[in-house]
Amino acid sequence: MKYLVLFSILLTHFSCAETSNESGVLKIDAPEGSVLKDKVMGNGVHFYSIKWKRKNEMASVFMISKWPTAMPVSKIPSTVKKIIGDTFASTKKKAVSSIEKEAKIQDLEISEKFVLGNLAYFEHTDEKGNRRVQSIHMVTDGDVIWNGQFSGSKELFETYKDIFKTMKPENQL
């Protein structure tokens, strides 16, 4: 009986270890026409970026990396709202961008096979007259909380949201 209990404990430990993404590594499929980069920072954290460049348009970029501090998943929505609120206020003050008076922050939930969380965004017009979207996102894969942003053309916004469908934690590769 002693060995059965020990075996059960070991089996549980190794089963959980296989499904953990403690290393904080993602697989992300880059959308057509974009380039994915995975840069490992000095502290070992992966910083992912996806960039698009279209004629006569500023570059569009998606970024995501591991959230630097421990935080309960329940804080994701309020954290995203705080960050996007600060970003909205900062963008309103810049002379190179304009935000229409009726512009407001939009919130969306992300619920995909391997990640769930929130994103919030607003639209603005850049100095060249291009309609742009600025978005903040935060998701969890069950082990790691990831955060980042998208800054890009309104036309690429739907493509950006589809990136979350392709995300898989390392243990699901």
Protein backbone atom coordinates (compact mmCIF):
# COMPACT_ATOMS: atom_id res chain seq x y z
CA MET A 1 0.00 0.00 0.00
CA LYS A 2 2.90 2.33 0.82
CA TYR A 3 4.32 1.83 -2.67
CA LEU A 4 0.94 2.41 -4.28
CA VAL A 5 0.69 5.80 -2.57
CA LEU A 6 4.29 6.66 -3.55
CA PHE A 7 3.64 5.54 -7.12
CA SER A 8 0.49 7.68 -7.27
CA ILE A 9 2.36 10.73 -5.99
CA LEU A 10 5.19 10.25 -8.52
CA LEU A 11 2.75 9.66 -11.37
CA THR A 12 0.84 12.81 -10.47
CA HIS A 13 4.06 14.82 -10.27
CA PHE A 14 5.38 13.68 -13.64
CA SER A 15 1.98 14.01 -15.30
CA CYS A 16 1.72 17.61 -14.14
CA ALA A 17 5.33 18.33 -15.10
CA GLU A 18 4.63 17.32 -18.71
CA THR A 19 1.75 19.77 -19.02
CA SER A 20 3.56 22.71 -17.43
CA ASN A 21 4.97 25.57 -19.46
CA GLU A 22 7.23 26.84 -16.71
CA SER A 23 9.97 27.55 -19.24
CA GLY A 24 7.76 30.18 -20.85
CA VAL A 25 8.15 29.20 -24.48
CA LEU A 26 5.46 29.59 -27.13
CA LYS A 27 4.98 28.38 -30.66
CA ILE A 28 3.35 31.06 -32.78
CA ASP A 29 2.55 30.78 -36.47
CA ALA A 30 3.33 33.99 -38.34
CA PRO A 31 0.51 35.16 -40.63
CA GLU A 32 1.14 35.30 -44.36
CA GLY A 33 3.18 38.33 -45.35
CA SER A 34 4.76 38.76 -41.92
CA VAL A 35 8.02 37.84 -40.20
CA LEU A 36 8.21 36.22 -36.72
CA LYS A 37 11.22 36.80 -34.49
CA ASP A 38 11.87 35.03 -31.18
CA LYS A 39 14.51 36.92 -29.22
CA VAL A 40 15.74 35.42 -25.95
CA MET A 41 16.57 38.23 -23.55
CA GLY A 42 19.51 38.17 -21.13
CA ASN A 43 17.25 36.89 -18.35
CA GLY A 44 16.09 33.97 -20.54
CA VAL A 45 12.65 35.43 -21.28
CA HIS A 46 11.41 34.98 -24.84
CA PHE A 47 10.27 38.15 -26.61
CA TYR A 48 8.23 37.42 -29.72
CA SER A 49 7.51 39.93 -32.46
CA ILE A 50 5.65 39.70 -35.74
CA LYS A 51 6.15 42.50 -38.24
CA TRP A 52 4.33 43.45 -41.44
CA LYS A 53 5.39 46.13 -43.91
CA ARG A 54 3.06 47.28 -46.66
CA LYS A 55 3.58 49.91 -49.33
CA ASN A 56 2.78 53.47 -48.31
CA GLU A 57 1.99 52.42 -44.77
CA MET A 58 3.82 52.46 -41.48
CA ALA A 59 5.01 49.06 -40.30
CA SER A 60 2.59 47.01 -38.21
CA VAL A 61 3.90 45.02 -35.27
CA PHE A 62 2.64 42.43 -32.78
CA MET A 63 4.69 41.78 -29.64
CA ILE A 64 4.30 39.40 -26.72
CA SER A 65 6.47 38.25 -23.82
CA LYS A 66 6.13 36.78 -20.36
CA TRP A 67 4.53 39.12 -17.79
CA PRO A 68 7.39 40.01 -15.40
CA THR A 69 5.62 39.60 -12.06
CA ALA A 70 3.45 37.00 -10.39
CA MET A 71 -0.20 37.90 -10.71
CA PRO A 72 -3.48 36.01 -10.41
CA VAL A 73 -5.23 35.36 -13.73
CA SER A 74 -8.29 37.16 -12.35
CA LYS A 75 -6.31 40.46 -12.59
CA ILE A 76 -5.81 40.18 -16.36
CA PRO A 77 -8.92 42.21 -17.38
CA SER A 78 -8.24 45.09 -14.99
CA THR A 79 -4.53 45.17 -15.88
CA VAL A 80 -5.30 45.34 -19.59
CA LYS A 81 -7.81 48.16 -18.98
CA LYS A 82 -5.25 50.12 -16.94
CA ILE A 83 -2.50 49.78 -19.55
CA ILE A 84 -4.75 50.65 -22.51
CA GLY A 85 -6.18 53.60 -20.59
CA ASP A 86 -2.69 54.99 -20.04
CA THR A 87 -1.79 54.33 -23.70
CA PHE A 88 -4.98 56.07 -24.89
CA ALA A 89 -4.22 59.13 -22.75
CA SER A 90 -0.61 59.26 -23.97
CA THR A 91 -1.61 58.91 -27.63
CA LYS A 92 -4.18 61.72 -27.28
CA LYS A 93 -1.39 64.06 -26.13
CA LYS A 94 0.92 63.30 -29.09
CA ALA A 95 0.89 65.69 -32.01
CA VAL A 96 1.76 62.91 -34.53
CA SER A 97 -1.53 61.08 -33.95
CA SER A 98 -5.13 62.12 -33.71
CA ILE A 99 -7.94 60.42 -31.88
CA GLU A 100 -11.44 61.44 -32.84
CA LYS A 101 -13.62 62.81 -30.05
CA GLU A 102 -16.04 59.88 -30.29
CA ALA A 103 -13.22 57.30 -30.17
CA LYS A 104 -13.38 54.92 -27.27
CA ILE A 105 -11.55 51.91 -25.95
CA GLN A 106 -13.03 48.56 -27.00
CA ASP A 107 -12.61 45.36 -24.95
CA LEU A 108 -12.56 41.78 -26.22
CA GLU A 109 -12.13 38.42 -24.54
CA ILE A 110 -9.68 35.93 -25.99
CA SER A 111 -10.69 32.31 -25.66
CA GLU A 112 -8.68 29.91 -27.81
CA LYS A 113 -7.58 26.30 -27.46
CA PHE A 114 -4.34 27.05 -25.59
CA VAL A 115 -4.68 30.66 -24.40
CA LEU A 116 -7.32 32.85 -22.85
CA GLY A 117 -7.36 36.42 -21.68
CA ASN A 118 -8.28 39.90 -22.80
CA LEU A 119 -7.38 42.57 -25.29
CA ALA A 120 -8.38 46.19 -25.45
CA TYR A 121 -7.85 48.59 -28.34
CA PHE A 122 -8.62 51.94 -29.85
CA GLU A 123 -8.34 53.44 -33.31
CA HIS A 124 -6.47 56.58 -34.27
CA THR A 125 -5.10 58.33 -37.34
CA ASP A 126 -1.33 58.63 -37.78
CA GLU A 127 0.54 61.61 -39.22
CA LYS A 128 0.26 60.16 -42.77
CA GLY A 129 -3.51 59.84 -42.47
CA ASN A 130 -3.50 56.05 -42.02
CA ARG A 131 -6.15 54.48 -39.79
CA ARG A 132 -4.28 52.59 -37.08
CA VAL A 133 -5.21 50.31 -34.21
CA GLN A 134 -3.36 50.32 -30.90
CA SER A 135 -4.05 47.24 -28.79
CA ILE A 136 -2.89 45.80 -25.49
CA HIS A 137 -3.34 42.08 -24.85
CA MET A 138 -2.74 39.71 -21.97
CA VAL A 139 -3.31 35.95 -22.08
CA THR A 140 -2.46 32.89 -20.04
CA ASP A 141 -1.60 29.41 -21.25
CA GLY A 142 -2.48 28.03 -17.81
CA ASP A 143 1.06 28.39 -16.48
CA VAL A 144 2.45 31.65 -17.83
CA ILE A 145 0.82 35.06 -18.23
CA TRP A 146 1.85 36.73 -21.48
CA ASN A 147 1.41 40.39 -22.34
CA GLY A 148 2.08 42.60 -25.28
CA GLN A 149 0.66 44.91 -27.87
CA PHE A 150 -0.29 45.36 -31.49
CA SER A 151 0.23 48.61 -33.31
CA GLY A 152 -0.80 48.50 -36.90
CA SER A 153 -3.15 49.08 -39.73
CA LYS A 154 -6.85 48.67 -39.28
CA GLU A 155 -6.77 46.18 -42.17
CA LEU A 156 -4.42 43.87 -40.24
CA PHE A 157 -6.43 43.99 -37.01
CA GLU A 158 -8.43 40.82 -37.79
CA THR A 159 -5.23 39.01 -38.78
CA TYR A 160 -3.69 40.12 -35.49
CA LYS A 161 -6.57 38.66 -33.47
CA ASP A 162 -6.16 35.33 -35.30
CA ILE A 163 -2.58 35.00 -34.02
CA PHE A 164 -3.95 33.88 -30.64
CA LYS A 165 -5.51 30.86 -32.36
CA THR A 166 -2.03 29.67 -33.38
CA MET A 167 -0.36 30.05 -29.97
CA LYS A 168 0.70 26.88 -28.20
CA PRO A 169 2.79 26.55 -25.04
CA GLU A 170 6.02 24.58 -25.36
CA ASN A 171 4.49 21.45 -23.82
CA GLN A 172 1.91 21.29 -26.65
CA LEU A 173 4.41 21.45 -29.55
